[in-house]
PDB file of N, CA and C in Angstrom:
ATOM      1  N   MET A   1       9.639 -14.537 -26.526  1.00  0.00           N
ATOM      2  CA  MET A   1      10.415 -13.796 -25.547  1.00  0.00           C
ATOM      3  C   MET A   1      10.575 -14.641 -24.286  1.00  0.00           C
ATOM      4  N   VAL A   2      11.778 -14.746 -23.797  1.00  0.00           N
ATOM      5  CA  VAL A   2      12.084 -15.520 -22.600  1.00  0.00           C
ATOM      6  C   VAL A   2      12.167 -14.566 -21.412  1.00  0.00           C
ATOM      7  N   THR A   3      11.464 -14.914 -20.343  1.00  0.00           N
ATOM      8  CA  THR A   3      11.509 -14.113 -19.125  1.00  0.00           C
ATOM      9  C   THR A   3      12.474 -14.762 -18.154  1.00  0.00           C
ATOM     10  N   LEU A   4      13.484 -14.017 -17.772  1.00  0.00           N
ATOM     11  CA  LEU A   4      14.446 -14.533 -16.800  1.00  0.00           C
ATOM     12  C   LEU A   4      13.929 -14.279 -15.395  1.00  0.00           C
ATOM     13  N   PRO A   5      14.239 -15.197 -14.477  1.00  0.00           N
ATOM     14  CA  PRO A   5      13.815 -14.973 -13.100  1.00  0.00           C
ATOM     15  C   PRO A   5      14.495 -13.731 -12.541  1.00  0.00           C
ATOM     16  N   PRO A   6      13.842 -13.039 -11.628  1.00  0.00           N
ATOM     17  CA  PRO A   6      14.517 -11.917 -10.976  1.00  0.00           C
ATOM     18  C   PRO A   6      15.802 -12.425 -10.325  1.00  0.00           C
ATOM     19  N   PRO A   7      16.857 -11.622 -10.320  1.00  0.00           N
ATOM     20  CA  PRO A   7      18.130 -12.093  -9.744  1.00  0.00           C
ATOM     21  C   PRO A   7      17.989 -12.621  -8.319  1.00  0.00           C
ATOM     22  N   TRP A   8      17.181 -11.980  -7.507  1.00  0.00           N
ATOM     23  CA  TRP A   8      17.022 -12.433  -6.122  1.00  0.00           C
ATOM     24  C   TRP A   8      16.390 -13.818  -6.047  1.00  0.00           C
ATOM     25  N   LEU A   9      15.537 -14.172  -7.015  1.00  0.00           N
ATOM     26  CA  LEU A   9      14.907 -15.488  -7.003  1.00  0.00           C
ATOM     27  C   LEU A   9      15.894 -16.555  -7.460  1.00  0.00           C
ATOM     28  N   ALA A  10      16.664 -16.252  -8.482  1.00  0.00           N
ATOM     29  CA  ALA A  10      17.637 -17.215  -9.007  1.00  0.00           C
ATOM     30  C   ALA A  10      18.700 -17.553  -7.963  1.00  0.00           C
ATOM     31  N   GLU A  11      19.003 -16.599  -7.099  1.00  0.00           N
ATOM     32  CA  GLU A  11      20.046 -16.801  -6.095  1.00  0.00           C
ATOM     33  C   GLU A  11      19.518 -17.360  -4.778  1.00  0.00           C
ATOM     34  N   ALA A  12      18.207 -17.470  -4.642  1.00  0.00           N
ATOM     35  CA  ALA A  12      17.613 -17.908  -3.380  1.00  0.00           C
ATOM     36  C   ALA A  12      17.814 -19.412  -3.173  1.00  0.00           C
ATOM     37  N   ASP A  13      18.230 -19.778  -1.965  1.00  0.00           N
ATOM     38  CA  ASP A  13      18.328 -21.199  -1.639  1.00  0.00           C
ATOM     39  C   ASP A  13      16.949 -21.691  -1.179  1.00  0.00           C
ATOM     40  N   LEU A  14      16.826 -22.963  -0.893  1.00  0.00           N
ATOM     41  CA  LEU A  14      15.537 -23.546  -0.532  1.00  0.00           C
ATOM     42  C   LEU A  14      14.916 -22.847   0.680  1.00  0.00           C
ATOM     43  N   GLU A  15      15.709 -22.580   1.683  1.00  0.00           N
ATOM     44  CA  GLU A  15      15.195 -21.924   2.887  1.00  0.00           C
ATOM     45  C   GLU A  15      14.628 -20.534   2.559  1.00  0.00           C
ATOM     46  N   GLN A  16      15.303 -19.804   1.716  1.00  0.00           N
ATOM     47  CA  GLN A  16      14.835 -18.472   1.319  1.00  0.00           C
ATOM     48  C   GLN A  16      13.569 -18.566   0.473  1.00  0.00           C
ATOM     49  N   ARG A  17      13.502 -19.580  -0.396  1.00  0.00           N
ATOM     50  CA  ARG A  17      12.317 -19.768  -1.241  1.00  0.00           C
ATOM     51  C   ARG A  17      11.090 -20.090  -0.382  1.00  0.00           C
ATOM     52  N   ILE A  18      11.283 -20.945   0.613  1.00  0.00           N
ATOM     53  CA  ILE A  18      10.188 -21.275   1.529  1.00  0.00           C
ATOM     54  C   ILE A  18       9.783 -20.028   2.316  1.00  0.00           C
ATOM     55  N   ALA A  19      10.762 -19.238   2.732  1.00  0.00           N
ATOM     56  CA  ALA A  19      10.480 -18.016   3.487  1.00  0.00           C
ATOM     57  C   ALA A  19       9.665 -17.020   2.653  1.00  0.00           C
ATOM     58  N   LEU A  20       9.917 -16.945   1.359  1.00  0.00           N
ATOM     59  CA  LEU A  20       9.140 -16.062   0.489  1.00  0.00           C
ATOM     60  C   LEU A  20       7.670 -16.459   0.489  1.00  0.00           C
ATOM     61  N   VAL A  21       7.418 -17.753   0.352  1.00  0.00           N
ATOM     62  CA  VAL A  21       6.040 -18.235   0.322  1.00  0.00           C
ATOM     63  C   VAL A  21       5.394 -18.053   1.693  1.00  0.00           C
ATOM     64  N   MET A  22       6.133 -18.348   2.744  1.00  0.00           N
ATOM     65  CA  MET A  22       5.591 -18.196   4.090  1.00  0.00           C
ATOM     66  C   MET A  22       5.280 -16.733   4.393  1.00  0.00           C
ATOM     67  N   SER A  23       6.088 -15.837   3.893  1.00  0.00           N
ATOM     68  CA  SER A  23       5.838 -14.407   4.076  1.00  0.00           C
ATOM     69  C   SER A  23       4.521 -14.005   3.414  1.00  0.00           C
ATOM     70  N   ALA A  24       4.269 -14.511   2.223  1.00  0.00           N
ATOM     71  CA  ALA A  24       3.001 -14.239   1.533  1.00  0.00           C
ATOM     72  C   ALA A  24       1.847 -14.833   2.329  1.00  0.00           C
ATOM     73  N   TYR A  25       2.033 -16.054   2.826  1.00  0.00           N
ATOM     74  CA  TYR A  25       0.986 -16.712   3.615  1.00  0.00           C
ATOM     75  C   TYR A  25       0.685 -15.906   4.885  1.00  0.00           C
ATOM     76  N   THR A  26       1.715 -15.477   5.568  1.00  0.00           N
ATOM     77  CA  THR A  26       1.543 -14.720   6.808  1.00  0.00           C
ATOM     78  C   THR A  26       0.814 -13.401   6.554  1.00  0.00           C
ATOM     79  N   ALA A  27       1.141 -12.754   5.460  1.00  0.00           N
ATOM     80  CA  ALA A  27       0.533 -11.462   5.143  1.00  0.00           C
ATOM     81  C   ALA A  27      -0.934 -11.584   4.750  1.00  0.00           C
ATOM     82  N   HIS A  28      -1.313 -12.723   4.137  1.00  0.00           N
ATOM     83  CA  HIS A  28      -2.667 -12.848   3.581  1.00  0.00           C
ATOM     84  C   HIS A  28      -3.512 -13.977   4.180  1.00  0.00           C
ATOM     85  N   GLY A  29      -2.886 -14.875   4.922  1.00  0.00           N
ATOM     86  CA  GLY A  29      -3.637 -15.976   5.518  1.00  0.00           C
ATOM     87  C   GLY A  29      -3.901 -17.126   4.571  1.00  0.00           C
ATOM     88  N   TYR A  30      -3.338 -17.073   3.399  1.00  0.00           N
ATOM     89  CA  TYR A  30      -3.444 -18.132   2.390  1.00  0.00           C
ATOM     90  C   TYR A  30      -2.318 -17.914   1.391  1.00  0.00           C
ATOM     91  N   VAL A  31      -2.128 -18.874   0.507  1.00  0.00           N
ATOM     92  CA  VAL A  31      -1.139 -18.703  -0.555  1.00  0.00           C
ATOM     93  C   VAL A  31      -1.575 -19.498  -1.777  1.00  0.00           C
ATOM     94  N   ASN A  32      -1.303 -18.948  -2.939  1.00  0.00           N
ATOM     95  CA  ASN A  32      -1.453 -19.643  -4.210  1.00  0.00           C
ATOM     96  C   ASN A  32      -0.530 -18.968  -5.224  1.00  0.00           C
ATOM     97  N   ARG A  33      -0.443 -19.542  -6.415  1.00  0.00           N
ATOM     98  CA  ARG A  33       0.455 -18.978  -7.429  1.00  0.00           C
ATOM     99  C   ARG A  33       0.094 -17.542  -7.773  1.00  0.00           C
ATOM    100  N   LYS A  34      -1.187 -17.269  -7.899  1.00  0.00           N
ATOM    101  CA  LYS A  34      -1.621 -15.931  -8.288  1.00  0.00           C
ATOM    102  C   LYS A  34      -1.135 -14.881  -7.280  1.00  0.00           C
ATOM    103  N   LEU A  35      -1.221 -15.194  -5.998  1.00  0.00           N
ATOM    104  CA  LEU A  35      -0.753 -14.271  -4.966  1.00  0.00           C
ATOM    105  C   LEU A  35       0.749 -14.033  -5.106  1.00  0.00           C
ATOM    106  N   LEU A  36       1.517 -15.102  -5.319  1.00  0.00           N
ATOM    107  CA  LEU A  36       2.972 -14.966  -5.465  1.00  0.00           C
ATOM    108  C   LEU A  36       3.331 -14.134  -6.693  1.00  0.00           C
ATOM    109  N   VAL A  37       2.612 -14.352  -7.790  1.00  0.00           N
ATOM    110  CA  VAL A  37       2.848 -13.575  -9.011  1.00  0.00           C
ATOM    111  C   VAL A  37       2.619 -12.094  -8.730  1.00  0.00           C
ATOM    112  N   THR A  38       1.547 -11.787  -8.049  1.00  0.00           N
ATOM    113  CA  THR A  38       1.201 -10.398  -7.748  1.00  0.00           C
ATOM    114  C   THR A  38       2.194  -9.765  -6.769  1.00  0.00           C
ATOM    115  N   MET A  39       2.507 -10.470  -5.711  1.00  0.00           N
ATOM    116  CA  MET A  39       3.393  -9.916  -4.676  1.00  0.00           C
ATOM    117  C   MET A  39       4.826  -9.724  -5.161  1.00  0.00           C
ATOM    118  N   TYR A  40       5.343 -10.725  -5.877  1.00  0.00           N
ATOM    119  CA  TYR A  40       6.768 -10.730  -6.209  1.00  0.00           C
ATOM    120  C   TYR A  40       7.063 -10.395  -7.673  1.00  0.00           C
ATOM    121  N   LYS A  41       6.021 -10.125  -8.456  1.00  0.00           N
ATOM    122  CA  LYS A  41       6.199  -9.763  -9.873  1.00  0.00           C
ATOM    123  C   LYS A  41       7.010 -10.823 -10.617  1.00  0.00           C
ATOM    124  N   ILE A  42       6.582 -12.079 -10.446  1.00  0.00           N
ATOM    125  CA  ILE A  42       7.226 -13.210 -11.110  1.00  0.00           C
ATOM    126  C   ILE A  42       6.218 -13.883 -12.028  1.00  0.00           C
ATOM    127  N   THR A  43       6.679 -14.816 -12.836  1.00  0.00           N
ATOM    128  CA  THR A  43       5.789 -15.522 -13.757  1.00  0.00           C
ATOM    129  C   THR A  43       5.028 -16.628 -13.028  1.00  0.00           C
ATOM    130  N   GLN A  44       3.978 -17.130 -13.660  1.00  0.00           N
ATOM    131  CA  GLN A  44       3.223 -18.266 -13.109  1.00  0.00           C
ATOM    132  C   GLN A  44       4.151 -19.470 -12.927  1.00  0.00           C
ATOM    133  N   GLN A  45       5.049 -19.686 -13.861  1.00  0.00           N
ATOM    134  CA  GLN A  45       5.975 -20.821 -13.776  1.00  0.00           C
ATOM    135  C   GLN A  45       6.900 -20.675 -12.562  1.00  0.00           C
ATOM    136  N   GLN A  46       7.413 -19.487 -12.345  1.00  0.00           N
ATOM    137  CA  GLN A  46       8.281 -19.243 -11.194  1.00  0.00           C
ATOM    138  C   GLN A  46       7.499 -19.403  -9.891  1.00  0.00           C
ATOM    139  N   ALA A  47       6.277 -18.905  -9.876  1.00  0.00           N
ATOM    140  CA  ALA A  47       5.422 -19.063  -8.697  1.00  0.00           C
ATOM    141  C   ALA A  47       5.116 -20.531  -8.449  1.00  0.00           C
ATOM    142  N   GLY A  48       4.891 -21.281  -9.514  1.00  0.00           N
ATOM    143  CA  GLY A  48       4.638 -22.719  -9.392  1.00  0.00           C
ATOM    144  C   GLY A  48       5.828 -23.449  -8.786  1.00  0.00           C
ATOM    145  N   SER A  49       7.009 -23.033  -9.159  1.00  0.00           N
ATOM    146  CA  SER A  49       8.219 -23.632  -8.606  1.00  0.00           C
ATOM    147  C   SER A  49       8.326 -23.346  -7.108  1.00  0.00           C
ATOM    148  N   LEU A  50       8.039 -22.109  -6.706  1.00  0.00           N
ATOM    149  CA  LEU A  50       8.035 -21.777  -5.279  1.00  0.00           C
ATOM    150  C   LEU A  50       6.985 -22.592  -4.532  1.00  0.00           C
ATOM    151  N   MET A  51       5.810 -22.723  -5.127  1.00  0.00           N
ATOM    152  CA  MET A  51       4.728 -23.481  -4.488  1.00  0.00           C
ATOM    153  C   MET A  51       5.098 -24.953  -4.334  1.00  0.00           C
ATOM    154  N   ARG A  52       5.733 -25.533  -5.347  1.00  0.00           N
ATOM    155  CA  ARG A  52       6.143 -26.944  -5.242  1.00  0.00           C
ATOM    156  C   ARG A  52       7.090 -27.141  -4.065  1.00  0.00           C
ATOM    157  N   ASP A  53       8.060 -26.239  -3.921  1.00  0.00           N
ATOM    158  CA  ASP A  53       8.984 -26.335  -2.786  1.00  0.00           C
ATOM    159  C   ASP A  53       8.224 -26.240  -1.466  1.00  0.00           C
ATOM    160  N   PHE A  54       7.334 -25.270  -1.366  1.00  0.00           N
ATOM    161  CA  PHE A  54       6.557 -25.040  -0.148  1.00  0.00           C
ATOM    162  C   PHE A  54       5.682 -26.249   0.185  1.00  0.00           C
ATOM    163  N   ILE A  55       5.006 -26.779  -0.805  1.00  0.00           N
ATOM    164  CA  ILE A  55       4.117 -27.928  -0.589  1.00  0.00           C
ATOM    165  C   ILE A  55       4.919 -29.149  -0.164  1.00  0.00           C
ATOM    166  N   GLU A  56       6.070 -29.351  -0.780  1.00  0.00           N
ATOM    167  CA  GLU A  56       6.898 -30.505  -0.416  1.00  0.00           C
ATOM    168  C   GLU A  56       7.338 -30.426   1.044  1.00  0.00           C
ATOM    169  N   ILE A  57       7.753 -29.258   1.488  1.00  0.00           N
ATOM    170  CA  ILE A  57       8.220 -29.084   2.866  1.00  0.00           C
ATOM    171  C   ILE A  57       7.062 -29.172   3.860  1.00  0.00           C
ATOM    172  N   HIS A  58       5.898 -28.648   3.494  1.00  0.00           N
ATOM    173  CA  HIS A  58       4.762 -28.578   4.417  1.00  0.00           C
ATOM    174  C   HIS A  58       3.631 -29.551   4.061  1.00  0.00           C
ATOM    175  N   ALA A  59       3.949 -30.617   3.350  1.00  0.00           N
ATOM    176  CA  ALA A  59       2.919 -31.552   2.878  1.00  0.00           C
ATOM    177  C   ALA A  59       2.051 -32.101   4.003  1.00  0.00           C
ATOM    178  N   HIS A  60       2.625 -32.305   5.170  1.00  0.00           N
ATOM    179  CA  HIS A  60       1.888 -32.892   6.291  1.00  0.00           C
ATOM    180  C   HIS A  60       0.928 -31.900   6.958  1.00  0.00           C
ATOM    181  N   ARG A  61       1.054 -30.612   6.632  1.00  0.00           N
ATOM    182  CA  ARG A  61       0.194 -29.639   7.315  1.00  0.00           C
ATOM    183  C   ARG A  61      -0.470 -28.617   6.399  1.00  0.00           C
ATOM    184  N   ILE A  62      -0.527 -28.917   5.110  1.00  0.00           N
ATOM    185  CA  ILE A  62      -1.127 -27.984   4.170  1.00  0.00           C
ATOM    186  C   ILE A  62      -2.345 -28.631   3.520  1.00  0.00           C
ATOM    187  N   TYR A  63      -3.330 -27.812   3.215  1.00  0.00           N
ATOM    188  CA  TYR A  63      -4.493 -28.338   2.494  1.00  0.00           C
ATOM    189  C   TYR A  63      -4.989 -27.313   1.481  1.00  0.00           C
ATOM    190  N   TRP A  64      -5.639 -27.821   0.452  1.00  0.00           N
ATOM    191  CA  TRP A  64      -6.191 -27.000  -0.619  1.00  0.00           C
ATOM    192  C   TRP A  64      -7.615 -26.624  -0.262  1.00  0.00           C
ATOM    193  N   ASP A  65      -7.882 -25.336  -0.200  1.00  0.00           N
ATOM    194  CA  ASP A  65      -9.225 -24.820   0.053  1.00  0.00           C
ATOM    195  C   ASP A  65      -9.920 -24.697  -1.301  1.00  0.00           C
ATOM    196  N   ILE A  66     -10.700 -25.680  -1.654  1.00  0.00           N
ATOM    197  CA  ILE A  66     -11.324 -25.759  -2.976  1.00  0.00           C
ATOM    198  C   ILE A  66     -12.297 -24.610  -3.220  1.00  0.00           C
ATOM    199  N   GLU A  67     -12.952 -24.132  -2.195  1.00  0.00           N
ATOM    200  CA  GLU A  67     -13.917 -23.051  -2.372  1.00  0.00           C
ATOM    201  C   GLU A  67     -13.244 -21.725  -2.722  1.00  0.00           C
ATOM    202  N   ASN A  68     -12.059 -21.501  -2.179  1.00  0.00           N
ATOM    203  CA  ASN A  68     -11.365 -20.230  -2.388  1.00  0.00           C
ATOM    204  C   ASN A  68     -10.134 -20.339  -3.285  1.00  0.00           C
ATOM    205  N   LEU A  69      -9.834 -21.564  -3.718  1.00  0.00           N
ATOM    206  CA  LEU A  69      -8.732 -21.836  -4.646  1.00  0.00           C
ATOM    207  C   LEU A  69      -7.377 -21.348  -4.130  1.00  0.00           C
ATOM    208  N   HIS A  70      -7.086 -21.734  -2.884  1.00  0.00           N
ATOM    209  CA  HIS A  70      -5.776 -21.431  -2.331  1.00  0.00           C
ATOM    210  C   HIS A  70      -5.404 -22.467  -1.268  1.00  0.00           C
ATOM    211  N   TYR A  71      -4.133 -22.452  -0.882  1.00  0.00           N
ATOM    212  CA  TYR A  71      -3.631 -23.345   0.153  1.00  0.00           C
ATOM    213  C   TYR A  71      -3.672 -22.650   1.498  1.00  0.00           C
ATOM    214  N   LYS A  72      -3.923 -23.457   2.519  1.00  0.00           N
ATOM    215  CA  LYS A  72      -3.894 -22.975   3.903  1.00  0.00           C
ATOM    216  C   LYS A  72      -3.099 -23.994   4.718  1.00  0.00           C
ATOM    217  N   LEU A  73      -2.539 -23.529   5.802  1.00  0.00           N
ATOM    218  CA  LEU A  73      -1.848 -24.421   6.725  1.00  0.00           C
ATOM    219  C   LEU A  73      -2.812 -24.883   7.800  1.00  0.00           C
ATOM    220  N   ASP A  74      -2.745 -26.168   8.122  1.00  0.00           N
ATOM    221  CA  ASP A  74      -3.557 -26.748   9.193  1.00  0.00           C
ATOM    222  C   ASP A  74      -2.795 -26.553  10.493  1.00  0.00           C
ATOM    223  N   ILE A  75      -3.280 -25.681  11.348  1.00  0.00           N
ATOM    224  CA  ILE A  75      -2.556 -25.357  12.574  1.00  0.00           C
ATOM    225  C   ILE A  75      -2.577 -26.497  13.595  1.00  0.00           C
ATOM    226  N   ASN A  76      -3.383 -27.537  13.364  1.00  0.00           N
ATOM    227  CA  ASN A  76      -3.437 -28.669  14.282  1.00  0.00           C
ATOM    228  C   ASN A  76      -2.335 -29.678  14.050  1.00  0.00           C
ATOM    229  N   HIS A  77      -1.514 -29.476  13.031  1.00  0.00           N
ATOM    230  CA  HIS A  77      -0.427 -30.424  12.745  1.00  0.00           C
ATOM    231  C   HIS A  77       0.912 -29.757  12.902  1.00  0.00           C
TER     232      HIS A  77
END
């Protein structure tokens, strides 16, 4: 069975995709694929795609919190 992306995700441009991830981050103080899957009812693959976009844009100010298995933004950068 093939799962199609929700229509709103398929139509989202890069800025909107980043905003989705940032919204999750703002609401929870961290972000990872599991959070995106839960919040937006999307697949792990779709969440991974959103995360790749987010990480690419924020590479200079994001870090992986190994203890909690999620990404956080470094507010000093």
